[in-house]
């Protein structure tokens, strides 16, 4: 005996696809990984220039010691001969004490040590384009040449 079966699949419409929720777009002030890593690299460089070891830097910045090693510059095998970055040279050649080296840029470039010695730490930081990293680079460059920044009065 046969029974009659209605074909129900043709009469029903398929359910509508589920609505997707849009992801919220990040705002400008939110966390930026690249900016954070650049900041962290600068902090490690400054603390290392101040003479801190890896373990102490890790404690201060609350990061792992192997991360500090990754951010630290590799020590060179030969004696270090630090060259000043272009920004530091420009500041010394055109800064407030540049006239101590002479009237021309060529004369000033031969007397960079004397110009840099005339700065105090605070004067160096007040120059445009100089932050703590650049100031530390100048300080270390002077120390390699047997000189130092002027002491504040």
C-alpha atoms as a PDB file:
ATOM      1  CA  UNK A   1       0.000   0.000   0.000  1.00  0.00           C
ATOM      2  CA  UNK A   2       1.247   3.338  -1.013  1.00  0.00           C
ATOM      3  CA  UNK A   3       0.689   6.591   0.798  1.00  0.00           C
ATOM      4  CA  UNK A   4       0.705  10.031  -0.564  1.00  0.00           C
ATOM      5  CA  UNK A   5       3.537  12.246   0.730  1.00  0.00           C
ATOM      6  CA  UNK A   6       3.554  15.980   0.107  1.00  0.00           C
ATOM      7  CA  UNK A   7       6.817  17.604  -0.920  1.00  0.00           C
ATOM      8  CA  UNK A   8       7.256  20.163   1.873  1.00  0.00           C
ATOM      9  CA  UNK A   9      10.757  21.316   0.936  1.00  0.00           C
ATOM     10  CA  UNK A  10       9.538  23.347  -2.041  1.00  0.00           C
ATOM     11  CA  UNK A  11       6.957  25.216  -0.045  1.00  0.00           C
ATOM     12  CA  UNK A  12       9.244  26.437   2.771  1.00  0.00           C
ATOM     13  CA  UNK A  13      11.597  29.383   2.281  1.00  0.00           C
ATOM     14  CA  UNK A  14      15.122  29.102   3.644  1.00  0.00           C
ATOM     15  CA  UNK A  15      15.814  31.065   6.841  1.00  0.00           C
ATOM     16  CA  UNK A  16      17.611  34.412   6.340  1.00  0.00           C
ATOM     17  CA  UNK A  17      21.369  34.364   6.938  1.00  0.00           C
ATOM     18  CA  UNK A  18      22.386  35.473  10.421  1.00  0.00           C
ATOM     19  CA  UNK A  19      23.298  39.138  10.741  1.00  0.00           C
ATOM     20  CA  UNK A  20      26.986  39.731  11.321  1.00  0.00           C
ATOM     21  CA  UNK A  21      27.996  42.063  14.062  1.00  0.00           C
ATOM     22  CA  UNK A  22      30.498  44.650  12.919  1.00  0.00           C
ATOM     23  CA  UNK A  23      33.768  44.804  14.781  1.00  0.00           C
ATOM     24  CA  UNK A  24      34.362  48.085  16.574  1.00  0.00           C
ATOM     25  CA  UNK A  25      37.052  50.131  14.862  1.00  0.00           C
ATOM     26  CA  UNK A  26      40.048  50.986  17.065  1.00  0.00           C
ATOM     27  CA  UNK A  27      40.320  54.596  18.150  1.00  0.00           C
ATOM     28  CA  UNK A  28      43.469  56.635  17.682  1.00  0.00           C
ATOM     29  CA  UNK A  29      44.239  56.799  21.391  1.00  0.00           C
ATOM     30  CA  UNK A  30      44.128  53.021  21.819  1.00  0.00           C
ATOM     31  CA  UNK A  31      47.105  50.755  22.310  1.00  0.00           C
ATOM     32  CA  UNK A  32      49.616  50.773  19.463  1.00  0.00           C
ATOM     33  CA  UNK A  33      52.115  47.915  19.594  1.00  0.00           C
ATOM     34  CA  UNK A  34      54.686  49.570  17.351  1.00  0.00           C
ATOM     35  CA  UNK A  35      54.631  52.787  19.396  1.00  0.00           C
ATOM     36  CA  UNK A  36      54.885  50.832  22.655  1.00  0.00           C
ATOM     37  CA  UNK A  37      57.887  48.792  21.447  1.00  0.00           C
ATOM     38  CA  UNK A  38      59.639  51.949  20.270  1.00  0.00           C
ATOM     39  CA  UNK A  39      59.063  53.523  23.691  1.00  0.00           C
ATOM     40  CA  UNK A  40      60.318  50.385  25.427  1.00  0.00           C
ATOM     41  CA  UNK A  41      63.447  50.267  23.235  1.00  0.00           C
ATOM     42  CA  UNK A  42      64.186  53.917  24.112  1.00  0.00           C
ATOM     43  CA  UNK A  43      63.708  53.271  27.827  1.00  0.00           C
ATOM     44  CA  UNK A  44      66.053  50.259  27.762  1.00  0.00           C
ATOM     45  CA  UNK A  45      68.663  52.287  25.856  1.00  0.00           C
ATOM     46  CA  UNK A  46      68.519  55.138  28.364  1.00  0.00           C
ATOM     47  CA  UNK A  47      68.698  52.857  31.405  1.00  0.00           C
ATOM     48  CA  UNK A  48      71.561  50.901  29.843  1.00  0.00           C
ATOM     49  CA  UNK A  49      73.400  54.164  29.122  1.00  0.00           C
ATOM     50  CA  UNK A  50      72.966  55.072  32.788  1.00  0.00           C
ATOM     51  CA  UNK A  51      74.914  51.936  33.683  1.00  0.00           C
ATOM     52  CA  UNK A  52      72.147  49.588  34.816  1.00  0.00           C
ATOM     53  CA  UNK A  53      72.541  45.865  34.216  1.00  0.00           C
ATOM     54  CA  UNK A  54      69.948  43.682  32.468  1.00  0.00           C
ATOM     55  CA  UNK A  55      68.382  42.311  35.642  1.00  0.00           C
ATOM     56  CA  UNK A  56      67.856  45.749  37.183  1.00  0.00           C
ATOM     57  CA  UNK A  57      66.365  47.151  33.971  1.00  0.00           C
ATOM     58  CA  UNK A  58      63.960  44.191  33.834  1.00  0.00           C
ATOM     59  CA  UNK A  59      62.810  44.927  37.385  1.00  0.00           C
ATOM     60  CA  UNK A  60      62.386  48.660  36.730  1.00  0.00           C
ATOM     61  CA  UNK A  61      60.395  48.171  33.523  1.00  0.00           C
ATOM     62  CA  UNK A  62      58.578  45.043  34.759  1.00  0.00           C
ATOM     63  CA  UNK A  63      59.604  42.918  31.785  1.00  0.00           C
ATOM     64  CA  UNK A  64      61.585  39.711  31.337  1.00  0.00           C
ATOM     65  CA  UNK A  65      65.373  39.806  31.390  1.00  0.00           C
ATOM     66  CA  UNK A  66      65.661  38.151  27.962  1.00  0.00           C
ATOM     67  CA  UNK A  67      63.472  40.960  26.531  1.00  0.00           C
ATOM     68  CA  UNK A  68      65.937  43.513  27.902  1.00  0.00           C
ATOM     69  CA  UNK A  69      68.780  41.666  26.170  1.00  0.00           C
ATOM     70  CA  UNK A  70      66.827  41.732  22.907  1.00  0.00           C
ATOM     71  CA  UNK A  71      66.456  45.518  23.099  1.00  0.00           C
ATOM     72  CA  UNK A  72      70.071  46.214  24.129  1.00  0.00           C
ATOM     73  CA  UNK A  73      72.606  46.998  21.441  1.00  0.00           C
ATOM     74  CA  UNK A  74      75.115  44.241  20.843  1.00  0.00           C
ATOM     75  CA  UNK A  75      78.546  44.941  22.339  1.00  0.00           C
ATOM     76  CA  UNK A  76      81.281  45.327  19.781  1.00  0.00           C
ATOM     77  CA  UNK A  77      84.374  43.169  20.053  1.00  0.00           C
ATOM     78  CA  UNK A  78      86.778  45.989  19.284  1.00  0.00           C
ATOM     79  CA  UNK A  79      87.216  49.119  21.352  1.00  0.00           C
ATOM     80  CA  UNK A  80      84.098  51.252  21.081  1.00  0.00           C
ATOM     81  CA  UNK A  81      84.468  54.362  18.980  1.00  0.00           C
ATOM     82  CA  UNK A  82      81.084  55.999  19.192  1.00  0.00           C
ATOM     83  CA  UNK A  83      80.093  58.343  16.419  1.00  0.00           C
ATOM     84  CA  UNK A  84      77.576  61.029  17.170  1.00  0.00           C
ATOM     85  CA  UNK A  85      74.221  60.723  15.402  1.00  0.00           C
ATOM     86  CA  UNK A  86      73.397  63.379  12.840  1.00  0.00           C
ATOM     87  CA  UNK A  87      70.811  64.996  15.136  1.00  0.00           C
ATOM     88  CA  UNK A  88      73.376  65.471  17.897  1.00  0.00           C
ATOM     89  CA  UNK A  89      75.951  66.926  15.510  1.00  0.00           C
ATOM     90  CA  UNK A  90      73.377  69.374  14.106  1.00  0.00           C
ATOM     91  CA  UNK A  91      72.452  70.511  17.622  1.00  0.00           C
ATOM     92  CA  UNK A  92      76.078  71.085  18.549  1.00  0.00           C
ATOM     93  CA  UNK A  93      76.851  72.907  15.292  1.00  0.00           C
ATOM     94  CA  UNK A  94      73.848  75.232  15.481  1.00  0.00           C
ATOM     95  CA  UNK A  95      72.991  75.336  19.210  1.00  0.00           C
ATOM     96  CA  UNK A  96      73.407  78.066  21.790  1.00  0.00           C
ATOM     97  CA  UNK A  97      77.132  77.367  22.396  1.00  0.00           C
ATOM     98  CA  UNK A  98      78.054  76.801  18.738  1.00  0.00           C
ATOM     99  CA  UNK A  99      79.813  80.174  18.486  1.00  0.00           C
ATOM    100  CA  UNK A 100      82.536  78.855  20.817  1.00  0.00           C
ATOM    101  CA  UNK A 101      83.788  76.685  17.938  1.00  0.00           C
ATOM    102  CA  UNK A 102      84.092  79.472  15.393  1.00  0.00           C
ATOM    103  CA  UNK A 103      82.058  81.341  12.809  1.00  0.00           C
ATOM    104  CA  UNK A 104      81.903  78.708  10.105  1.00  0.00           C
ATOM    105  CA  UNK A 105      80.482  75.218  10.234  1.00  0.00           C
ATOM    106  CA  UNK A 106      83.858  73.793   9.200  1.00  0.00           C
ATOM    107  CA  UNK A 107      85.604  75.394  12.204  1.00  0.00           C
ATOM    108  CA  UNK A 108      82.787  74.382  14.528  1.00  0.00           C
ATOM    109  CA  UNK A 109      82.987  70.765  13.360  1.00  0.00           C
ATOM    110  CA  UNK A 110      86.658  70.652  14.361  1.00  0.00           C
ATOM    111  CA  UNK A 111      85.772  71.923  17.859  1.00  0.00           C
ATOM    112  CA  UNK A 112      82.723  69.774  18.667  1.00  0.00           C
ATOM    113  CA  UNK A 113      84.221  68.579  21.961  1.00  0.00           C
ATOM    114  CA  UNK A 114      84.700  72.140  23.229  1.00  0.00           C
ATOM    115  CA  UNK A 115      81.177  73.075  22.161  1.00  0.00           C
ATOM    116  CA  UNK A 116      79.658  70.025  23.863  1.00  0.00           C
ATOM    117  CA  UNK A 117      81.655  70.647  27.064  1.00  0.00           C
ATOM    118  CA  UNK A 118      80.036  74.087  27.384  1.00  0.00           C
ATOM    119  CA  UNK A 119      76.572  72.543  27.851  1.00  0.00           C
ATOM    120  CA  UNK A 120      75.016  71.504  31.136  1.00  0.00           C
ATOM    121  CA  UNK A 121      72.613  68.565  31.149  1.00  0.00           C
ATOM    122  CA  UNK A 122      69.569  70.850  31.424  1.00  0.00           C
ATOM    123  CA  UNK A 123      70.770  73.154  28.643  1.00  0.00           C
ATOM    124  CA  UNK A 124      71.290  70.160  26.393  1.00  0.00           C
ATOM    125  CA  UNK A 125      67.778  68.868  27.063  1.00  0.00           C
ATOM    126  CA  UNK A 126      66.293  72.313  26.371  1.00  0.00           C
ATOM    127  CA  UNK A 127      67.694  72.335  22.819  1.00  0.00           C
ATOM    128  CA  UNK A 128      65.024  71.513  20.201  1.00  0.00           C
ATOM    129  CA  UNK A 129      65.220  67.930  18.959  1.00  0.00           C
ATOM    130  CA  UNK A 130      67.237  66.673  21.937  1.00  0.00           C
ATOM    131  CA  UNK A 131      65.739  64.149  24.303  1.00  0.00           C
ATOM    132  CA  UNK A 132      67.270  61.973  26.971  1.00  0.00           C
ATOM    133  CA  UNK A 133      68.585  59.431  24.448  1.00  0.00           C
ATOM    134  CA  UNK A 134      70.420  62.028  22.339  1.00  0.00           C
ATOM    135  CA  UNK A 135      71.734  63.767  25.458  1.00  0.00           C
ATOM    136  CA  UNK A 136      73.069  60.451  26.782  1.00  0.00           C
ATOM    137  CA  UNK A 137      74.740  59.756  23.450  1.00  0.00           C
ATOM    138  CA  UNK A 138      76.504  63.119  23.627  1.00  0.00           C
ATOM    139  CA  UNK A 139      77.504  62.492  27.244  1.00  0.00           C
ATOM    140  CA  UNK A 140      78.967  59.058  26.414  1.00  0.00           C
ATOM    141  CA  UNK A 141      80.723  60.474  23.344  1.00  0.00           C
ATOM    142  CA  UNK A 142      82.358  63.111  25.541  1.00  0.00           C
ATOM    143  CA  UNK A 143      83.418  60.520  28.133  1.00  0.00           C
ATOM    144  CA  UNK A 144      85.183  58.480  25.434  1.00  0.00           C
ATOM    145  CA  UNK A 145      87.193  61.570  24.612  1.00  0.00           C
ATOM    146  CA  UNK A 146      88.078  62.344  28.230  1.00  0.00           C
ATOM    147  CA  UNK A 147      85.647  65.239  28.584  1.00  0.00           C
ATOM    148  CA  UNK A 148      82.354  65.800  30.373  1.00  0.00           C
ATOM    149  CA  UNK A 149      79.337  68.061  30.367  1.00  0.00           C
ATOM    150  CA  UNK A 150      79.577  71.242  32.434  1.00  0.00           C
ATOM    151  CA  UNK A 151      78.285  70.892  35.995  1.00  0.00           C
ATOM    152  CA  UNK A 152      75.259  73.056  36.905  1.00  0.00           C
ATOM    153  CA  UNK A 153      76.024  75.994  39.159  1.00  0.00           C
END
